Amino acid sequence: MLERLGCEVRLRHSGEEAIEDAPSFEPELVILDLNMPPGMDGYQTAIELKKQSWSTKATFVAHTACTDPSTVERVRKAGFGHFVPKPPNDSAFEAIVTALRR
């Protein structure tokens, strides 16, 4: 869906991979699953990515199936700009991409 919107997409399967690759890519939009496979979760990955200089210009999106109020509050406190629950609503991501292009 993001590619249909004209985005260059790089999929990484762990926080560690994202942290390693991001400096060469400098993404404008970072979508993180909060409950990633073994290793770093999405919260810790966001914290580490935000230490990189390119990240000041990036928008961070939390993406998870857990939508209880404590998760939403933790997402906000972690500095994510957006929260998109699973299953994803294409219009939510489209609205984020459209806003970034303005």
C-alpha atoms as a PDB file:
ATOM      1  CA  MET A   1       0.000   0.000   0.000  1.00  0.00           C
ATOM      2  CA  LEU A   2       2.801   2.435   0.830  1.00  0.00           C
ATOM      3  CA  GLU A   3       4.514   1.637  -2.459  1.00  0.00           C
ATOM      4  CA  ARG A   4       1.256   2.421  -4.299  1.00  0.00           C
ATOM      5  CA  LEU A   5       1.417   5.834  -2.649  1.00  0.00           C
ATOM      6  CA  GLY A   6       4.874   6.354  -4.140  1.00  0.00           C
ATOM      7  CA  CYS A   7       6.890   5.556  -1.022  1.00  0.00           C
ATOM      8  CA  GLU A   8      10.199   3.741  -1.127  1.00  0.00           C
ATOM      9  CA  VAL A   9       9.757   0.938   1.379  1.00  0.00           C
ATOM     10  CA  ARG A  10      12.404  -0.960   3.306  1.00  0.00           C
ATOM     11  CA  LEU A  11      11.180  -3.764   5.509  1.00  0.00           C
ATOM     12  CA  ARG A  12      13.339  -4.869   8.408  1.00  0.00           C
ATOM     13  CA  HIS A  13      12.525  -7.823  10.639  1.00  0.00           C
ATOM     14  CA  SER A  14      14.101  -6.634  13.873  1.00  0.00           C
ATOM     15  CA  GLY A  15      14.897  -3.473  15.740  1.00  0.00           C
ATOM     16  CA  GLU A  16      18.575  -4.202  15.387  1.00  0.00           C
ATOM     17  CA  GLU A  17      18.280  -4.390  11.585  1.00  0.00           C
ATOM     18  CA  ALA A  18      16.352  -1.118  11.497  1.00  0.00           C
ATOM     19  CA  ILE A  19      18.926   0.663  13.646  1.00  0.00           C
ATOM     20  CA  GLU A  20      21.761  -0.601  11.461  1.00  0.00           C
ATOM     21  CA  ASP A  21      20.121   0.315   8.135  1.00  0.00           C
ATOM     22  CA  ALA A  22      18.385   3.591   8.948  1.00  0.00           C
ATOM     23  CA  PRO A  23      21.417   5.924   8.754  1.00  0.00           C
ATOM     24  CA  SER A  24      22.055   5.005   5.111  1.00  0.00           C
ATOM     25  CA  PHE A  25      18.364   5.316   4.209  1.00  0.00           C
ATOM     26  CA  GLU A  26      17.286   8.243   6.420  1.00  0.00           C
ATOM     27  CA  PRO A  27      13.578   7.402   6.314  1.00  0.00           C
ATOM     28  CA  GLU A  28      10.997  10.150   6.589  1.00  0.00           C
ATOM     29  CA  LEU A  29       8.425   7.689   7.934  1.00  0.00           C
ATOM     30  CA  VAL A  30       9.202   4.919  10.426  1.00  0.00           C
ATOM     31  CA  ILE A  31       6.470   2.392  11.173  1.00  0.00           C
ATOM     32  CA  LEU A  32       7.301   0.142  14.101  1.00  0.00           C
ATOM     33  CA  ASP A  33       5.468  -2.914  15.319  1.00  0.00           C
ATOM     34  CA  LEU A  34       5.576  -2.571  19.084  1.00  0.00           C
ATOM     35  CA  ASN A  35       5.767  -6.324  19.718  1.00  0.00           C
ATOM     36  CA  MET A  36       8.514  -7.368  17.339  1.00  0.00           C
ATOM     37  CA  PRO A  37      10.099 -10.831  17.394  1.00  0.00           C
ATOM     38  CA  PRO A  38      12.798 -11.683  19.924  1.00  0.00           C
ATOM     39  CA  GLY A  39      15.131  -8.811  20.594  1.00  0.00           C
ATOM     40  CA  MET A  40      14.215  -5.155  20.832  1.00  0.00           C
ATOM     41  CA  ASP A  41      10.573  -4.172  20.921  1.00  0.00           C
ATOM     42  CA  GLY A  42       9.218  -1.207  18.989  1.00  0.00           C
ATOM     43  CA  TYR A  43       9.532   1.142  21.953  1.00  0.00           C
ATOM     44  CA  GLN A  44      13.243   0.428  22.436  1.00  0.00           C
ATOM     45  CA  THR A  45      13.845   0.566  18.692  1.00  0.00           C
ATOM     46  CA  ALA A  46      12.237   4.018  18.537  1.00  0.00           C
ATOM     47  CA  ILE A  47      14.399   5.233  21.416  1.00  0.00           C
ATOM     48  CA  GLU A  48      17.559   4.054  19.667  1.00  0.00           C
ATOM     49  CA  LEU A  49      16.514   5.395  16.254  1.00  0.00           C
ATOM     50  CA  LYS A  50      15.720   8.796  17.763  1.00  0.00           C
ATOM     51  CA  LYS A  51      19.374   9.070  18.863  1.00  0.00           C
ATOM     52  CA  GLN A  52      20.375   9.228  15.175  1.00  0.00           C
ATOM     53  CA  SER A  53      20.617  12.687  13.597  1.00  0.00           C
ATOM     54  CA  TRP A  54      18.312  11.960  10.637  1.00  0.00           C
ATOM     55  CA  SER A  55      15.440  11.105  12.996  1.00  0.00           C
ATOM     56  CA  THR A  56      14.640  14.735  13.846  1.00  0.00           C
ATOM     57  CA  LYS A  57      12.996  14.982  10.417  1.00  0.00           C
ATOM     58  CA  ALA A  58      11.195  11.625  10.630  1.00  0.00           C
ATOM     59  CA  THR A  59       7.654  10.751  11.617  1.00  0.00           C
ATOM     60  CA  PHE A  60       7.303   7.704  13.860  1.00  0.00           C
ATOM     61  CA  VAL A  61       4.198   5.501  13.757  1.00  0.00           C
ATOM     62  CA  ALA A  62       3.397   2.829  16.359  1.00  0.00           C
ATOM     63  CA  HIS A  63       1.622  -0.165  14.854  1.00  0.00           C
ATOM     64  CA  THR A  64       0.232  -2.905  17.091  1.00  0.00           C
ATOM     65  CA  ALA A  65      -2.796  -5.055  17.766  1.00  0.00           C
ATOM     66  CA  CYS A  66      -2.884  -3.977  21.402  1.00  0.00           C
ATOM     67  CA  THR A  67      -5.167  -0.971  21.756  1.00  0.00           C
ATOM     68  CA  ASP A  68      -5.796  -0.790  25.475  1.00  0.00           C
ATOM     69  CA  PRO A  69      -5.518   2.694  27.034  1.00  0.00           C
ATOM     70  CA  SER A  70      -2.185   1.932  28.733  1.00  0.00           C
ATOM     71  CA  THR A  71      -0.612   1.041  25.363  1.00  0.00           C
ATOM     72  CA  VAL A  72      -1.934   4.206  23.760  1.00  0.00           C
ATOM     73  CA  GLU A  73      -0.532   6.269  26.646  1.00  0.00           C
ATOM     74  CA  ARG A  74       2.836   4.492  26.477  1.00  0.00           C
ATOM     75  CA  VAL A  75       2.976   5.158  22.702  1.00  0.00           C
ATOM     76  CA  ARG A  76       2.368   8.850  23.326  1.00  0.00           C
ATOM     77  CA  LYS A  77       5.024   9.028  26.041  1.00  0.00           C
ATOM     78  CA  ALA A  78       7.540   7.231  23.805  1.00  0.00           C
ATOM     79  CA  GLY A  79       7.257  10.077  21.311  1.00  0.00           C
ATOM     80  CA  PHE A  80       5.458   8.368  18.472  1.00  0.00           C
ATOM     81  CA  GLY A  81       3.634  10.890  16.308  1.00  0.00           C
ATOM     82  CA  HIS A  82       0.904   8.441  15.301  1.00  0.00           C
ATOM     83  CA  PHE A  83      -0.734   5.235  16.439  1.00  0.00           C
ATOM     84  CA  VAL A  84      -2.270   2.890  13.854  1.00  0.00           C
ATOM     85  CA  PRO A  85      -3.858  -0.251  15.341  1.00  0.00           C
ATOM     86  CA  LYS A  86      -3.835  -3.619  13.589  1.00  0.00           C
ATOM     87  CA  PRO A  87      -5.309  -4.625  11.316  1.00  0.00           C
ATOM     88  CA  PRO A  88      -4.183  -1.523   9.460  1.00  0.00           C
ATOM     89  CA  ASN A  89      -6.644   0.807   7.877  1.00  0.00           C
ATOM     90  CA  ASP A  90      -5.148   1.881   4.532  1.00  0.00           C
ATOM     91  CA  SER A  91      -6.741   5.305   4.893  1.00  0.00           C
ATOM     92  CA  ALA A  92      -4.842   5.913   8.146  1.00  0.00           C
ATOM     93  CA  PHE A  93      -1.476   5.380   6.464  1.00  0.00           C
ATOM     94  CA  GLU A  94      -2.609   7.316   3.400  1.00  0.00           C
ATOM     95  CA  ALA A  95      -3.521  10.299   5.610  1.00  0.00           C
ATOM     96  CA  ILE A  96      -0.102  10.196   7.284  1.00  0.00           C
ATOM     97  CA  VAL A  97       1.747  10.043   3.943  1.00  0.00           C
ATOM     98  CA  THR A  98      -0.406  12.843   2.520  1.00  0.00           C
ATOM     99  CA  ALA A  99       0.328  15.051   5.518  1.00  0.00           C
ATOM    100  CA  LEU A 100       4.076  14.390   5.191  1.00  0.00           C
ATOM    101  CA  ARG A 101       4.023  15.523   1.570  1.00  0.00           C
ATOM    102  CA  ARG A 102       2.524  18.907   2.439  1.00  0.00           C
END
